[in-house]
């Protein structure tokens, strides 16, 4: 992603490992987004960047995770 000049990721859900990897390379992220099209997700973020959202993937500190997407 860094090679593609990505500096922000919007996602429905993201596990702790992916978050740590993005943190490591300096890419920001926002989770808990939904929409049928990328434009829906982008508009949601633009219109309410700090809105309440729930991460669809939660890390439970064991060998697997549970995703709700």
PDB file of N, CA and C in Angstrom:
ATOM      1  N   UNK A   1       0.818  -1.199   0.000  1.00  0.00           N
ATOM      2  CA  UNK A   1       0.000   0.000   0.000  1.00  0.00           C
ATOM      3  C   UNK A   1       0.859   1.259   0.000  1.00  0.00           C
ATOM      4  N   UNK A   2       1.937   1.208   0.737  1.00  0.00           N
ATOM      5  CA  UNK A   2       2.824   2.377   0.773  1.00  0.00           C
ATOM      6  C   UNK A   2       3.380   2.674  -0.613  1.00  0.00           C
ATOM      7  N   UNK A   3       3.692   1.619  -1.372  1.00  0.00           N
ATOM      8  CA  UNK A   3       4.214   1.807  -2.729  1.00  0.00           C
ATOM      9  C   UNK A   3       3.195   2.470  -3.645  1.00  0.00           C
ATOM     10  N   UNK A   4       1.910   2.345  -3.309  1.00  0.00           N
ATOM     11  CA  UNK A   4       0.844   2.958  -4.097  1.00  0.00           C
ATOM     12  C   UNK A   4       0.447   4.331  -3.561  1.00  0.00           C
ATOM     13  N   UNK A   5       1.211   4.842  -2.595  1.00  0.00           N
ATOM     14  CA  UNK A   5       0.978   6.150  -1.976  1.00  0.00           C
ATOM     15  C   UNK A   5      -0.338   6.208  -1.202  1.00  0.00           C
ATOM     16  N   UNK A   6      -0.769   5.055  -0.675  1.00  0.00           N
ATOM     17  CA  UNK A   6      -1.969   5.021   0.163  1.00  0.00           C
ATOM     18  C   UNK A   6      -1.617   5.628   1.515  1.00  0.00           C
ATOM     19  N   UNK A   7      -2.446   6.553   1.996  1.00  0.00           N
ATOM     20  CA  UNK A   7      -2.204   7.119   3.325  1.00  0.00           C
ATOM     21  C   UNK A   7      -3.401   6.956   4.250  1.00  0.00           C
ATOM     22  N   UNK A   8      -4.515   6.371   3.739  1.00  0.00           N
ATOM     23  CA  UNK A   8      -5.716   6.170   4.556  1.00  0.00           C
ATOM     24  C   UNK A   8      -6.479   4.969   4.016  1.00  0.00           C
ATOM     25  N   UNK A   9      -6.948   4.112   4.940  1.00  0.00           N
ATOM     26  CA  UNK A   9      -7.761   2.953   4.582  1.00  0.00           C
ATOM     27  C   UNK A   9      -9.087   3.064   5.322  1.00  0.00           C
ATOM     28  N   UNK A  10     -10.187   2.916   4.597  1.00  0.00           N
ATOM     29  CA  UNK A  10     -11.522   2.851   5.182  1.00  0.00           C
ATOM     30  C   UNK A  10     -11.987   1.413   5.045  1.00  0.00           C
ATOM     31  N   UNK A  11     -12.451   0.812   6.143  1.00  0.00           N
ATOM     32  CA  UNK A  11     -12.816  -0.604   6.113  1.00  0.00           C
ATOM     33  C   UNK A  11     -14.041  -0.868   6.968  1.00  0.00           C
ATOM     34  N   UNK A  12     -14.721  -1.952   6.659  1.00  0.00           N
ATOM     35  CA  UNK A  12     -15.828  -2.399   7.493  1.00  0.00           C
ATOM     36  C   UNK A  12     -15.304  -2.990   8.783  1.00  0.00           C
ATOM     37  N   UNK A  13     -14.261  -3.775   8.660  1.00  0.00           N
ATOM     38  CA  UNK A  13     -13.646  -4.394   9.816  1.00  0.00           C
ATOM     39  C   UNK A  13     -12.180  -4.652   9.554  1.00  0.00           C
ATOM     40  N   UNK A  14     -11.404  -4.694  10.639  1.00  0.00           N
ATOM     41  CA  UNK A  14      -9.977  -4.922  10.508  1.00  0.00           C
ATOM     42  C   UNK A  14      -9.459  -5.481  11.823  1.00  0.00           C
ATOM     43  N   UNK A  15      -8.743  -6.587  11.736  1.00  0.00           N
ATOM     44  CA  UNK A  15      -8.173  -7.206  12.919  1.00  0.00           C
ATOM     45  C   UNK A  15      -6.983  -6.432  13.460  1.00  0.00           C
ATOM     46  N   UNK A  16      -6.583  -6.804  14.656  1.00  0.00           N
ATOM     47  CA  UNK A  16      -5.487  -6.107  15.330  1.00  0.00           C
ATOM     48  C   UNK A  16      -4.175  -6.224  14.569  1.00  0.00           C
ATOM     49  N   UNK A  17      -3.936  -7.363  13.932  1.00  0.00           N
ATOM     50  CA  UNK A  17      -2.700  -7.538  13.169  1.00  0.00           C
ATOM     51  C   UNK A  17      -2.613  -6.578  11.998  1.00  0.00           C
ATOM     52  N   UNK A  18      -3.703  -6.443  11.265  1.00  0.00           N
ATOM     53  CA  UNK A  18      -3.730  -5.509  10.136  1.00  0.00           C
ATOM     54  C   UNK A  18      -3.569  -4.076  10.630  1.00  0.00           C
ATOM     55  N   UNK A  19      -4.208  -3.749  11.743  1.00  0.00           N
ATOM     56  CA  UNK A  19      -4.074  -2.405  12.304  1.00  0.00           C
ATOM     57  C   UNK A  19      -2.623  -2.138  12.685  1.00  0.00           C
ATOM     58  N   UNK A  20      -1.978  -3.114  13.301  1.00  0.00           N
ATOM     59  CA  UNK A  20      -0.577  -2.951  13.700  1.00  0.00           C
ATOM     60  C   UNK A  20       0.319  -2.762  12.479  1.00  0.00           C
ATOM     61  N   UNK A  21       0.047  -3.515  11.404  1.00  0.00           N
ATOM     62  CA  UNK A  21       0.843  -3.362  10.186  1.00  0.00           C
ATOM     63  C   UNK A  21       0.670  -1.977   9.576  1.00  0.00           C
ATOM     64  N   UNK A  22      -0.551  -1.478   9.551  1.00  0.00           N
ATOM     65  CA  UNK A  22      -0.773  -0.133   9.016  1.00  0.00           C
ATOM     66  C   UNK A  22      -0.112   0.918   9.900  1.00  0.00           C
ATOM     67  N   UNK A  23      -0.218   0.748  11.219  1.00  0.00           N
ATOM     68  CA  UNK A  23       0.454   1.671  12.140  1.00  0.00           C
ATOM     69  C   UNK A  23       1.959   1.689  11.871  1.00  0.00           C
ATOM     70  N   UNK A  24       2.522   0.502  11.656  1.00  0.00           N
ATOM     71  CA  UNK A  24       3.966   0.364  11.461  1.00  0.00           C
ATOM     72  C   UNK A  24       4.455   1.153  10.249  1.00  0.00           C
ATOM     73  N   UNK A  25       3.647   1.202   9.188  1.00  0.00           N
ATOM     74  CA  UNK A  25       4.072   1.903   7.968  1.00  0.00           C
ATOM     75  C   UNK A  25       3.468   3.303   7.850  1.00  0.00           C
ATOM     76  N   UNK A  26       2.762   3.753   8.894  1.00  0.00           N
ATOM     77  CA  UNK A  26       2.254   5.118   8.928  1.00  0.00           C
ATOM     78  C   UNK A  26       1.013   5.371   8.096  1.00  0.00           C
ATOM     79  N   UNK A  27       0.200   4.327   7.889  1.00  0.00           N
ATOM     80  CA  UNK A  27      -1.051   4.493   7.153  1.00  0.00           C
ATOM     81  C   UNK A  27      -2.193   4.592   8.157  1.00  0.00           C
ATOM     82  N   UNK A  28      -2.991   5.640   8.048  1.00  0.00           N
ATOM     83  CA  UNK A  28      -4.152   5.826   8.920  1.00  0.00           C
ATOM     84  C   UNK A  28      -5.272   4.902   8.478  1.00  0.00           C
ATOM     85  N   UNK A  29      -6.199   4.620   9.388  1.00  0.00           N
ATOM     86  CA  UNK A  29      -7.340   3.774   9.042  1.00  0.00           C
ATOM     87  C   UNK A  29      -8.551   4.165   9.869  1.00  0.00           C
ATOM     88  N   UNK A  30      -9.710   3.852   9.327  1.00  0.00           N
ATOM     89  CA  UNK A  30     -10.980   4.057  10.008  1.00  0.00           C
ATOM     90  C   UNK A  30     -11.826   2.829   9.721  1.00  0.00           C
ATOM     91  N   UNK A  31     -12.353   2.197  10.756  1.00  0.00           N
ATOM     92  CA  UNK A  31     -13.119   0.955  10.597  1.00  0.00           C
ATOM     93  C   UNK A  31     -14.573   1.160  10.990  1.00  0.00           C
ATOM     94  N   UNK A  32     -15.399   0.196  10.623  1.00  0.00           N
ATOM     95  CA  UNK A  32     -16.806   0.238  10.977  1.00  0.00           C
ATOM     96  C   UNK A  32     -17.673   0.850   9.896  1.00  0.00           C
ATOM     97  N   UNK A  33     -17.143   0.956   8.703  1.00  0.00           N
ATOM     98  CA  UNK A  33     -17.886   1.559   7.594  1.00  0.00           C
ATOM     99  C   UNK A  33     -18.729   0.508   6.886  1.00  0.00           C
ATOM    100  N   UNK A  34     -19.811   0.956   6.268  1.00  0.00           N
ATOM    101  CA  UNK A  34     -20.647   0.054   5.477  1.00  0.00           C
ATOM    102  C   UNK A  34     -21.174   0.807   4.268  1.00  0.00           C
ATOM    103  N   UNK A  35     -21.546   0.049   3.275  1.00  0.00           N
ATOM    104  CA  UNK A  35     -22.091   0.637   2.060  1.00  0.00           C
ATOM    105  C   UNK A  35     -22.042  -0.371   0.936  1.00  0.00           C
ATOM    106  N   UNK A  36     -22.852  -0.154  -0.065  1.00  0.00           N
ATOM    107  CA  UNK A  36     -22.889  -1.060  -1.206  1.00  0.00           C
ATOM    108  C   UNK A  36     -21.832  -0.727  -2.248  1.00  0.00           C
ATOM    109  N   UNK A  37     -21.291   0.475  -2.188  1.00  0.00           N
ATOM    110  CA  UNK A  37     -20.309   0.927  -3.170  1.00  0.00           C
ATOM    111  C   UNK A  37     -19.218   1.710  -2.447  1.00  0.00           C
ATOM    112  N   UNK A  38     -18.000   1.720  -2.979  1.00  0.00           N
ATOM    113  CA  UNK A  38     -16.933   2.503  -2.346  1.00  0.00           C
ATOM    114  C   UNK A  38     -17.320   3.965  -2.140  1.00  0.00           C
ATOM    115  N   UNK A  39     -18.097   4.502  -3.066  1.00  0.00           N
ATOM    116  CA  UNK A  39     -18.517   5.899  -2.938  1.00  0.00           C
ATOM    117  C   UNK A  39     -19.374   6.106  -1.692  1.00  0.00           C
ATOM    118  N   UNK A  40     -20.191   5.098  -1.329  1.00  0.00           N
ATOM    119  CA  UNK A  40     -21.017   5.189  -0.117  1.00  0.00           C
ATOM    120  C   UNK A  40     -20.137   5.307   1.120  1.00  0.00           C
ATOM    121  N   UNK A  41     -19.102   4.469   1.175  1.00  0.00           N
ATOM    122  CA  UNK A  41     -18.190   4.471   2.320  1.00  0.00           C
ATOM    123  C   UNK A  41     -17.454   5.804   2.396  1.00  0.00           C
ATOM    124  N   UNK A  42     -16.972   6.268   1.273  1.00  0.00           N
ATOM    125  CA  UNK A  42     -16.244   7.536   1.249  1.00  0.00           C
ATOM    126  C   UNK A  42     -17.139   8.696   1.667  1.00  0.00           C
ATOM    127  N   UNK A  43     -18.351   8.746   1.156  1.00  0.00           N
ATOM    128  CA  UNK A  43     -19.278   9.818   1.537  1.00  0.00           C
ATOM    129  C   UNK A  43     -19.616   9.766   3.018  1.00  0.00           C
ATOM    130  N   UNK A  44     -19.798   8.565   3.560  1.00  0.00           N
ATOM    131  CA  UNK A  44     -20.069   8.426   4.991  1.00  0.00           C
ATOM    132  C   UNK A  44     -18.920   9.020   5.800  1.00  0.00           C
ATOM    133  N   UNK A  45     -17.699   8.700   5.408  1.00  0.00           N
ATOM    134  CA  UNK A  45     -16.528   9.196   6.127  1.00  0.00           C
ATOM    135  C   UNK A  45     -16.390  10.711   5.982  1.00  0.00           C
ATOM    136  N   UNK A  46     -16.567  11.218   4.784  1.00  0.00           N
ATOM    137  CA  UNK A  46     -16.436  12.664   4.552  1.00  0.00           C
ATOM    138  C   UNK A  46     -17.484  13.442   5.348  1.00  0.00           C
ATOM    139  N   UNK A  47     -18.707  12.946   5.371  1.00  0.00           N
ATOM    140  CA  UNK A  47     -19.798  13.653   6.045  1.00  0.00           C
ATOM    141  C   UNK A  47     -19.763  13.526   7.560  1.00  0.00           C
ATOM    142  N   UNK A  48     -19.142  12.470   8.078  1.00  0.00           N
ATOM    143  CA  UNK A  48     -19.093  12.264   9.528  1.00  0.00           C
ATOM    144  C   UNK A  48     -17.831  11.478   9.889  1.00  0.00           C
ATOM    145  N   UNK A  49     -16.651  12.107   9.775  1.00  0.00           N
ATOM    146  CA  UNK A  49     -15.396  11.380   9.974  1.00  0.00           C
ATOM    147  C   UNK A  49     -15.215  10.796  11.371  1.00  0.00           C
ATOM    148  N   UNK A  50     -15.859  11.358  12.361  1.00  0.00           N
ATOM    149  CA  UNK A  50     -15.711  10.861  13.730  1.00  0.00           C
ATOM    150  C   UNK A  50     -16.979  10.195  14.244  1.00  0.00           C
ATOM    151  N   UNK A  51     -17.851   9.818  13.320  1.00  0.00           N
ATOM    152  CA  UNK A  51     -19.123   9.202  13.706  1.00  0.00           C
ATOM    153  C   UNK A  51     -18.932   7.882  14.436  1.00  0.00           C
ATOM    154  N   UNK A  52     -19.939   7.482  15.196  1.00  0.00           N
ATOM    155  CA  UNK A  52     -19.844   6.215  15.929  1.00  0.00           C
ATOM    156  C   UNK A  52     -19.875   5.037  14.954  1.00  0.00           C
ATOM    157  N   UNK A  53     -18.903   4.148  15.077  1.00  0.00           N
ATOM    158  CA  UNK A  53     -18.808   2.974  14.210  1.00  0.00           C
ATOM    159  C   UNK A  53     -18.330   1.788  15.033  1.00  0.00           C
ATOM    160  N   UNK A  54     -18.671   0.599  14.559  1.00  0.00           N
ATOM    161  CA  UNK A  54     -18.260  -0.631  15.233  1.00  0.00           C
ATOM    162  C   UNK A  54     -17.412  -1.445  14.270  1.00  0.00           C
ATOM    163  N   UNK A  55     -16.240  -1.842  14.707  1.00  0.00           N
ATOM    164  CA  UNK A  55     -15.348  -2.671  13.914  1.00  0.00           C
ATOM    165  C   UNK A  55     -16.001  -4.026  13.681  1.00  0.00           C
ATOM    166  N   UNK A  56     -16.195  -4.414  12.421  1.00  0.00           N
ATOM    167  CA  UNK A  56     -16.835  -5.690  12.101  1.00  0.00           C
ATOM    168  C   UNK A  56     -15.946  -6.881  12.438  1.00  0.00           C
ATOM    169  N   UNK A  57     -14.655  -6.669  12.610  1.00  0.00           N
ATOM    170  CA  UNK A  57     -13.728  -7.739  13.008  1.00  0.00           C
ATOM    171  C   UNK A  57     -13.152  -7.379  14.367  1.00  0.00           C
ATOM    172  N   UNK A  58     -13.382  -8.245  15.317  1.00  0.00           N
ATOM    173  CA  UNK A  58     -12.871  -7.998  16.661  1.00  0.00           C
ATOM    174  C   UNK A  58     -11.855  -9.059  17.021  1.00  0.00           C
ATOM    175  N   UNK A  59     -10.741  -8.649  17.557  1.00  0.00           N
ATOM    176  CA  UNK A  59      -9.701  -9.563  18.008  1.00  0.00           C
ATOM    177  C   UNK A  59     -10.001  -9.928  19.455  1.00  0.00           C
ATOM    178  N   UNK A  60     -10.053 -11.213  19.718  1.00  0.00           N
ATOM    179  CA  UNK A  60     -10.389 -11.672  21.067  1.00  0.00           C
ATOM    180  C   UNK A  60      -9.192 -12.269  21.794  1.00  0.00           C
ATOM    181  N   UNK A  61      -7.986 -11.947  21.325  1.00  0.00           N
ATOM    182  CA  UNK A  61      -6.754 -12.396  21.974  1.00  0.00           C
ATOM    183  C   UNK A  61      -6.655 -13.911  22.080  1.00  0.00           C
ATOM    184  N   UNK A  62      -7.086 -14.607  21.039  1.00  0.00           N
ATOM    185  CA  UNK A  62      -6.819 -16.035  20.956  1.00  0.00           C
ATOM    186  C   UNK A  62      -6.578 -16.392  19.504  1.00  0.00           C
ATOM    187  N   UNK A  63      -6.527 -17.663  19.174  1.00  0.00           N
ATOM    188  CA  UNK A  63      -6.043 -18.105  17.871  1.00  0.00           C
ATOM    189  C   UNK A  63      -6.946 -17.797  16.687  1.00  0.00           C
ATOM    190  N   UNK A  64      -8.124 -17.281  16.897  1.00  0.00           N
ATOM    191  CA  UNK A  64      -8.993 -16.943  15.777  1.00  0.00           C
ATOM    192  C   UNK A  64      -9.779 -15.683  16.106  1.00  0.00           C
ATOM    193  N   UNK A  65     -10.411 -15.144  15.113  1.00  0.00           N
ATOM    194  CA  UNK A  65     -11.210 -13.933  15.333  1.00  0.00           C
ATOM    195  C   UNK A  65     -12.594 -14.141  14.757  1.00  0.00           C
ATOM    196  N   UNK A  66     -13.476 -13.261  15.114  1.00  0.00           N
ATOM    197  CA  UNK A  66     -14.858 -13.337  14.659  1.00  0.00           C
ATOM    198  C   UNK A  66     -15.164 -12.093  13.839  1.00  0.00           C
ATOM    199  N   UNK A  67     -15.602 -12.298  12.616  1.00  0.00           N
ATOM    200  CA  UNK A  67     -15.961 -11.172  11.757  1.00  0.00           C
ATOM    201  C   UNK A  67     -17.455 -11.146  11.538  1.00  0.00           C
ATOM    202  N   UNK A  68     -17.993  -9.958  11.476  1.00  0.00           N
ATOM    203  CA  UNK A  68     -19.425  -9.770  11.283  1.00  0.00           C
ATOM    204  C   UNK A  68     -19.706  -9.127   9.935  1.00  0.00           C
ATOM    205  N   UNK A  69     -18.879  -9.424   8.935  1.00  0.00           N
ATOM    206  CA  UNK A  69     -19.110  -8.849   7.605  1.00  0.00           C
ATOM    207  C   UNK A  69     -19.151  -9.925   6.564  1.00  0.00           C
TER     208      UNK A  69
END
